[in-house]
Amino acid sequence: MNTPAEPPTVGDLRLLPWTTPDGKPCYLSTDSDRSMLSRLADEIEAAQLASGEQVLAGAREVLADPSAGERAVRFALTRAAECLEDALRVAASRGGRIRERAV
């Protein structure tokens, strides 16, 4: 934890599951995992992971269908890439918080 005289470092900040409008990462500095913004971030992460599971199931269906056209495959791959990006952000955020607690 930082003292009031010390500015937070990236290691002290939580990577949030969204970005700025221009695609830059957003971070949260808080003393509580139960703050309103922390809980909102937890809910969004859970929704992103659940969405990823649904997209993965749909992508597997498309890939298993030999008659699926290019358009269907491209759509499935685009959605899967978006969900992978979300899942990697969640993993980075949670990994950072695990390392912070271990210190």
N, C-alpha and C. Protein backbone atom coordinates (compact mmCIF):
# COMPACT_ATOMS: atom_id res chain seq x y z
N MET A 1 0.84 -1.18 0.00
CA MET A 1 0.00 0.00 0.00
C MET A 1 0.89 1.24 0.00
N ASN A 2 0.49 2.25 -0.67
CA ASN A 2 1.25 3.50 -0.74
C ASN A 2 0.89 4.41 0.43
N THR A 3 1.85 5.17 0.87
CA THR A 3 1.56 6.22 1.84
C THR A 3 1.05 7.42 1.05
N PRO A 4 0.37 8.36 1.69
CA PRO A 4 -0.16 9.51 0.95
C PRO A 4 0.90 10.29 0.17
N ALA A 5 2.15 10.26 0.63
CA ALA A 5 3.21 11.02 -0.05
C ALA A 5 3.69 10.34 -1.31
N GLU A 6 3.41 9.05 -1.46
CA GLU A 6 3.89 8.30 -2.61
C GLU A 6 2.80 8.20 -3.68
N PRO A 7 3.11 8.55 -4.93
CA PRO A 7 2.11 8.33 -5.98
C PRO A 7 2.03 6.84 -6.29
N PRO A 8 0.87 6.36 -6.70
CA PRO A 8 0.75 4.94 -7.02
C PRO A 8 1.60 4.58 -8.23
N THR A 9 2.12 3.37 -8.22
CA THR A 9 2.85 2.85 -9.38
C THR A 9 1.92 1.92 -10.14
N VAL A 10 2.29 1.54 -11.35
CA VAL A 10 1.44 0.65 -12.15
C VAL A 10 1.17 -0.64 -11.40
N GLY A 11 2.15 -1.14 -10.63
CA GLY A 11 1.95 -2.36 -9.86
C GLY A 11 0.88 -2.22 -8.79
N ASP A 12 0.61 -0.98 -8.35
CA ASP A 12 -0.40 -0.72 -7.33
C ASP A 12 -1.78 -0.48 -7.94
N LEU A 13 -1.87 -0.41 -9.24
CA LEU A 13 -3.11 -0.09 -9.91
C LEU A 13 -3.75 -1.34 -10.50
N ARG A 14 -5.07 -1.36 -10.53
CA ARG A 14 -5.80 -2.46 -11.14
C ARG A 14 -6.08 -2.11 -12.59
N LEU A 15 -5.70 -3.00 -13.50
CA LEU A 15 -6.05 -2.85 -14.91
C LEU A 15 -7.54 -3.14 -15.05
N LEU A 16 -8.28 -2.18 -15.59
CA LEU A 16 -9.72 -2.33 -15.73
C LEU A 16 -10.07 -3.04 -17.04
N PRO A 17 -11.25 -3.65 -17.11
CA PRO A 17 -11.62 -4.43 -18.30
C PRO A 17 -12.16 -3.59 -19.45
N TRP A 18 -11.81 -2.35 -19.50
CA TRP A 18 -12.21 -1.48 -20.61
C TRP A 18 -11.05 -0.53 -20.92
N THR A 19 -11.16 0.13 -22.05
CA THR A 19 -10.13 1.06 -22.47
C THR A 19 -10.75 2.44 -22.67
N THR A 20 -9.88 3.42 -22.87
CA THR A 20 -10.35 4.76 -23.21
C THR A 20 -10.89 4.72 -24.64
N PRO A 21 -11.60 5.75 -25.08
CA PRO A 21 -12.10 5.76 -26.46
C PRO A 21 -11.00 5.61 -27.51
N ASP A 22 -9.78 6.02 -27.19
CA ASP A 22 -8.69 5.85 -28.16
C ASP A 22 -7.88 4.58 -27.92
N GLY A 23 -8.41 3.65 -27.10
CA GLY A 23 -7.81 2.33 -26.96
C GLY A 23 -6.73 2.20 -25.90
N LYS A 24 -6.52 3.21 -25.08
CA LYS A 24 -5.50 3.14 -24.04
C LYS A 24 -6.06 2.44 -22.80
N PRO A 25 -5.21 1.73 -22.05
CA PRO A 25 -5.70 1.02 -20.87
C PRO A 25 -6.17 1.99 -19.78
N CYS A 26 -7.11 1.52 -18.99
CA CYS A 26 -7.61 2.27 -17.84
C CYS A 26 -7.20 1.53 -16.58
N TYR A 27 -6.82 2.28 -15.56
CA TYR A 27 -6.38 1.71 -14.29
C TYR A 27 -7.18 2.31 -13.16
N LEU A 28 -7.28 1.55 -12.06
CA LEU A 28 -7.98 1.99 -10.87
C LEU A 28 -7.04 1.94 -9.68
N SER A 29 -7.02 3.01 -8.92
CA SER A 29 -6.29 3.06 -7.65
C SER A 29 -7.32 3.11 -6.54
N THR A 30 -7.34 2.08 -5.70
CA THR A 30 -8.30 2.03 -4.61
C THR A 30 -7.72 1.24 -3.45
N ASP A 31 -8.21 1.51 -2.27
CA ASP A 31 -7.78 0.77 -1.09
C ASP A 31 -8.64 -0.46 -0.85
N SER A 32 -9.70 -0.64 -1.62
CA SER A 32 -10.65 -1.71 -1.36
C SER A 32 -11.02 -2.47 -2.63
N ASP A 33 -10.99 -3.80 -2.52
CA ASP A 33 -11.47 -4.65 -3.62
C ASP A 33 -12.99 -4.60 -3.72
N ARG A 34 -13.64 -4.00 -2.75
CA ARG A 34 -15.10 -3.95 -2.70
C ARG A 34 -15.64 -2.56 -3.03
N SER A 35 -14.81 -1.68 -3.54
CA SER A 35 -15.31 -0.36 -3.93
C SER A 35 -16.31 -0.53 -5.07
N MET A 36 -17.13 0.48 -5.29
CA MET A 36 -18.15 0.40 -6.33
C MET A 36 -17.52 0.14 -7.70
N LEU A 37 -16.44 0.83 -8.01
CA LEU A 37 -15.79 0.65 -9.31
C LEU A 37 -15.11 -0.72 -9.42
N SER A 38 -14.56 -1.22 -8.32
CA SER A 38 -13.97 -2.56 -8.32
C SER A 38 -15.04 -3.62 -8.58
N ARG A 39 -16.20 -3.46 -7.93
CA ARG A 39 -17.28 -4.43 -8.14
C ARG A 39 -17.80 -4.36 -9.56
N LEU A 40 -17.91 -3.15 -10.12
CA LEU A 40 -18.34 -3.01 -11.51
C LEU A 40 -17.34 -3.71 -12.44
N ALA A 41 -16.05 -3.51 -12.20
CA ALA A 41 -15.03 -4.16 -13.02
C ALA A 41 -15.14 -5.68 -12.91
N ASP A 42 -15.38 -6.19 -11.69
CA ASP A 42 -15.55 -7.64 -11.50
C ASP A 42 -16.74 -8.15 -12.31
N GLU A 43 -17.85 -7.42 -12.29
CA GLU A 43 -19.04 -7.83 -13.04
C GLU A 43 -18.78 -7.81 -14.54
N ILE A 44 -18.09 -6.81 -15.02
CA ILE A 44 -17.79 -6.73 -16.45
C ILE A 44 -16.84 -7.85 -16.86
N GLU A 45 -15.83 -8.13 -16.03
CA GLU A 45 -14.93 -9.25 -16.33
C GLU A 45 -15.71 -10.56 -16.42
N ALA A 46 -16.62 -10.79 -15.47
CA ALA A 46 -17.42 -12.02 -15.49
C ALA A 46 -18.27 -12.09 -16.76
N ALA A 47 -18.86 -10.98 -17.16
CA ALA A 47 -19.68 -10.95 -18.38
C ALA A 47 -18.81 -11.20 -19.61
N GLN A 48 -17.61 -10.62 -19.64
CA GLN A 48 -16.71 -10.83 -20.78
C GLN A 48 -16.32 -12.31 -20.89
N LEU A 49 -16.02 -12.95 -19.76
CA LEU A 49 -15.64 -14.36 -19.79
C LEU A 49 -16.82 -15.24 -20.21
N ALA A 50 -18.00 -14.93 -19.72
CA ALA A 50 -19.19 -15.69 -20.11
C ALA A 50 -19.46 -15.52 -21.61
N SER A 51 -19.30 -14.31 -22.11
CA SER A 51 -19.47 -14.06 -23.53
C SER A 51 -18.45 -14.86 -24.33
N GLY A 52 -17.24 -14.92 -23.84
CA GLY A 52 -16.19 -15.69 -24.50
C GLY A 52 -16.55 -17.17 -24.61
N GLU A 53 -17.15 -17.71 -23.56
CA GLU A 53 -17.59 -19.12 -23.60
C GLU A 53 -18.64 -19.33 -24.68
N GLN A 54 -19.58 -18.39 -24.78
CA GLN A 54 -20.63 -18.49 -25.80
C GLN A 54 -20.06 -18.36 -27.20
N VAL A 55 -19.15 -17.43 -27.38
CA VAL A 55 -18.54 -17.23 -28.70
C VAL A 55 -17.71 -18.45 -29.09
N LEU A 56 -17.00 -19.02 -28.12
CA LEU A 56 -16.21 -20.23 -28.40
C LEU A 56 -17.12 -21.37 -28.86
N ALA A 57 -18.25 -21.55 -28.19
CA ALA A 57 -19.18 -22.61 -28.59
C ALA A 57 -19.69 -22.36 -30.02
N GLY A 58 -20.03 -21.12 -30.32
CA GLY A 58 -20.50 -20.79 -31.66
C GLY A 58 -19.42 -20.98 -32.71
N ALA A 59 -18.19 -20.59 -32.39
CA ALA A 59 -17.09 -20.75 -33.33
C ALA A 59 -16.83 -22.22 -33.61
N ARG A 60 -16.92 -23.04 -32.59
CA ARG A 60 -16.73 -24.49 -32.80
C ARG A 60 -17.80 -25.07 -33.71
N GLU A 61 -19.03 -24.57 -33.56
CA GLU A 61 -20.11 -25.03 -34.44
C GLU A 61 -19.82 -24.64 -35.89
N VAL A 62 -19.39 -23.41 -36.10
CA VAL A 62 -19.07 -22.95 -37.46
C VAL A 62 -17.94 -23.79 -38.03
N LEU A 63 -16.90 -24.02 -37.25
CA LEU A 63 -15.75 -24.79 -37.75
C LEU A 63 -16.10 -26.25 -38.02
N ALA A 64 -17.07 -26.78 -37.28
CA ALA A 64 -17.48 -28.17 -37.49
C ALA A 64 -18.40 -28.33 -38.70
N ASP A 65 -18.91 -27.23 -39.21
CA ASP A 65 -19.83 -27.26 -40.35
C ASP A 65 -19.04 -27.12 -41.65
N PRO A 66 -18.88 -28.21 -42.41
CA PRO A 66 -18.10 -28.13 -43.64
C PRO A 66 -18.72 -27.21 -44.70
N SER A 67 -20.00 -26.90 -44.54
CA SER A 67 -20.64 -26.03 -45.53
C SER A 67 -20.62 -24.55 -45.10
N ALA A 68 -20.01 -24.25 -43.97
CA ALA A 68 -19.94 -22.86 -43.51
C ALA A 68 -19.13 -22.05 -44.51
N GLY A 69 -19.68 -20.93 -44.89
CA GLY A 69 -19.00 -20.08 -45.86
C GLY A 69 -17.96 -19.19 -45.23
N GLU A 70 -17.24 -18.50 -46.11
CA GLU A 70 -16.18 -17.61 -45.66
C GLU A 70 -16.73 -16.54 -44.71
N ARG A 71 -17.89 -16.02 -45.03
CA ARG A 71 -18.47 -14.96 -44.20
C ARG A 71 -18.72 -15.43 -42.77
N ALA A 72 -19.25 -16.64 -42.62
CA ALA A 72 -19.52 -17.19 -41.29
C ALA A 72 -18.21 -17.45 -40.54
N VAL A 73 -17.22 -17.96 -41.23
CA VAL A 73 -15.93 -18.23 -40.59
C VAL A 73 -15.26 -16.92 -40.17
N ARG A 74 -15.30 -15.92 -41.04
CA ARG A 74 -14.70 -14.62 -40.70
C ARG A 74 -15.41 -13.98 -39.51
N PHE A 75 -16.73 -14.07 -39.48
CA PHE A 75 -17.49 -13.52 -38.36
C PHE A 75 -17.11 -14.23 -37.06
N ALA A 76 -17.08 -15.56 -37.09
CA ALA A 76 -16.72 -16.34 -35.90
C ALA A 76 -15.31 -16.00 -35.43
N LEU A 77 -14.38 -15.87 -36.36
CA LEU A 77 -13.00 -15.57 -36.00
C LEU A 77 -12.88 -14.15 -35.44
N THR A 78 -13.61 -13.22 -36.02
CA THR A 78 -13.58 -11.83 -35.52
C THR A 78 -14.10 -11.77 -34.09
N ARG A 79 -15.24 -12.43 -33.82
CA ARG A 79 -15.79 -12.44 -32.46
C ARG A 79 -14.84 -13.16 -31.50
N ALA A 80 -14.23 -14.27 -31.95
CA ALA A 80 -13.30 -15.01 -31.10
C ALA A 80 -12.08 -14.16 -30.76
N ALA A 81 -11.58 -13.40 -31.71
CA ALA A 81 -10.42 -12.53 -31.46
C ALA A 81 -10.78 -11.45 -30.44
N GLU A 82 -11.98 -10.89 -30.56
CA GLU A 82 -12.42 -9.88 -29.59
C GLU A 82 -12.50 -10.47 -28.18
N CYS A 83 -13.05 -11.67 -28.08
CA CYS A 83 -13.17 -12.31 -26.77
C CYS A 83 -11.82 -12.72 -26.22
N LEU A 84 -10.90 -13.13 -27.08
CA LEU A 84 -9.55 -13.46 -26.63
C LEU A 84 -8.88 -12.22 -26.06
N GLU A 85 -9.04 -11.10 -26.72
CA GLU A 85 -8.48 -9.84 -26.22
C GLU A 85 -9.03 -9.51 -24.83
N ASP A 86 -10.35 -9.67 -24.66
CA ASP A 86 -10.96 -9.43 -23.35
C ASP A 86 -10.40 -10.39 -22.30
N ALA A 87 -10.31 -11.68 -22.64
CA ALA A 87 -9.83 -12.69 -21.69
C ALA A 87 -8.37 -12.43 -21.30
N LEU A 88 -7.55 -12.00 -22.25
CA LEU A 88 -6.16 -11.69 -21.93
C LEU A 88 -6.07 -10.47 -21.00
N ARG A 89 -6.94 -9.49 -21.19
CA ARG A 89 -6.96 -8.33 -20.30
C ARG A 89 -7.38 -8.75 -18.89
N VAL A 90 -8.40 -9.62 -18.78
CA VAL A 90 -8.83 -10.11 -17.48
C VAL A 90 -7.69 -10.88 -16.82
N ALA A 91 -7.01 -11.73 -17.57
CA ALA A 91 -5.89 -12.50 -17.01
C ALA A 91 -4.77 -11.58 -16.53
N ALA A 92 -4.45 -10.56 -17.30
CA ALA A 92 -3.40 -9.62 -16.90
C ALA A 92 -3.81 -8.87 -15.63
N SER A 93 -5.06 -8.46 -15.56
CA SER A 93 -5.54 -7.74 -14.39
C SER A 93 -5.50 -8.63 -13.15
N ARG A 94 -6.00 -9.83 -13.28
CA ARG A 94 -6.02 -10.74 -12.13
C ARG A 94 -4.62 -11.18 -11.75
N GLY A 95 -3.77 -11.40 -12.73
CA GLY A 95 -2.39 -11.77 -12.44
C GLY A 95 -1.66 -10.67 -11.70
N GLY A 96 -1.91 -9.43 -12.07
CA GLY A 96 -1.29 -8.31 -11.38
C GLY A 96 -1.75 -8.22 -9.94
N ARG A 97 -3.01 -8.51 -9.70
CA ARG A 97 -3.52 -8.45 -8.32
C ARG A 97 -3.01 -9.61 -7.49
N ILE A 98 -2.80 -10.77 -8.10
CA ILE A 98 -2.23 -11.91 -7.37
C ILE A 98 -0.79 -11.59 -6.97
N ARG A 99 0.00 -11.05 -7.90
CA ARG A 99 1.38 -10.69 -7.57
C ARG A 99 1.44 -9.63 -6.48
N GLU A 100 0.50 -8.69 -6.53
CA GLU A 100 0.48 -7.60 -5.54
C GLU A 100 0.22 -8.17 -4.15
N ARG A 101 -0.69 -9.15 -4.05
CA ARG A 101 -1.01 -9.75 -2.75
C ARG A 101 0.14 -10.61 -2.23
N ALA A 102 0.91 -11.20 -3.16
CA ALA A 102 2.01 -12.08 -2.76
C ALA A 102 3.18 -11.31 -2.19
N VAL A 103 3.27 -10.02 -2.50
CA VAL A 103 4.40 -9.21 -2.04
C VAL A 103 4.29 -8.88 -0.59
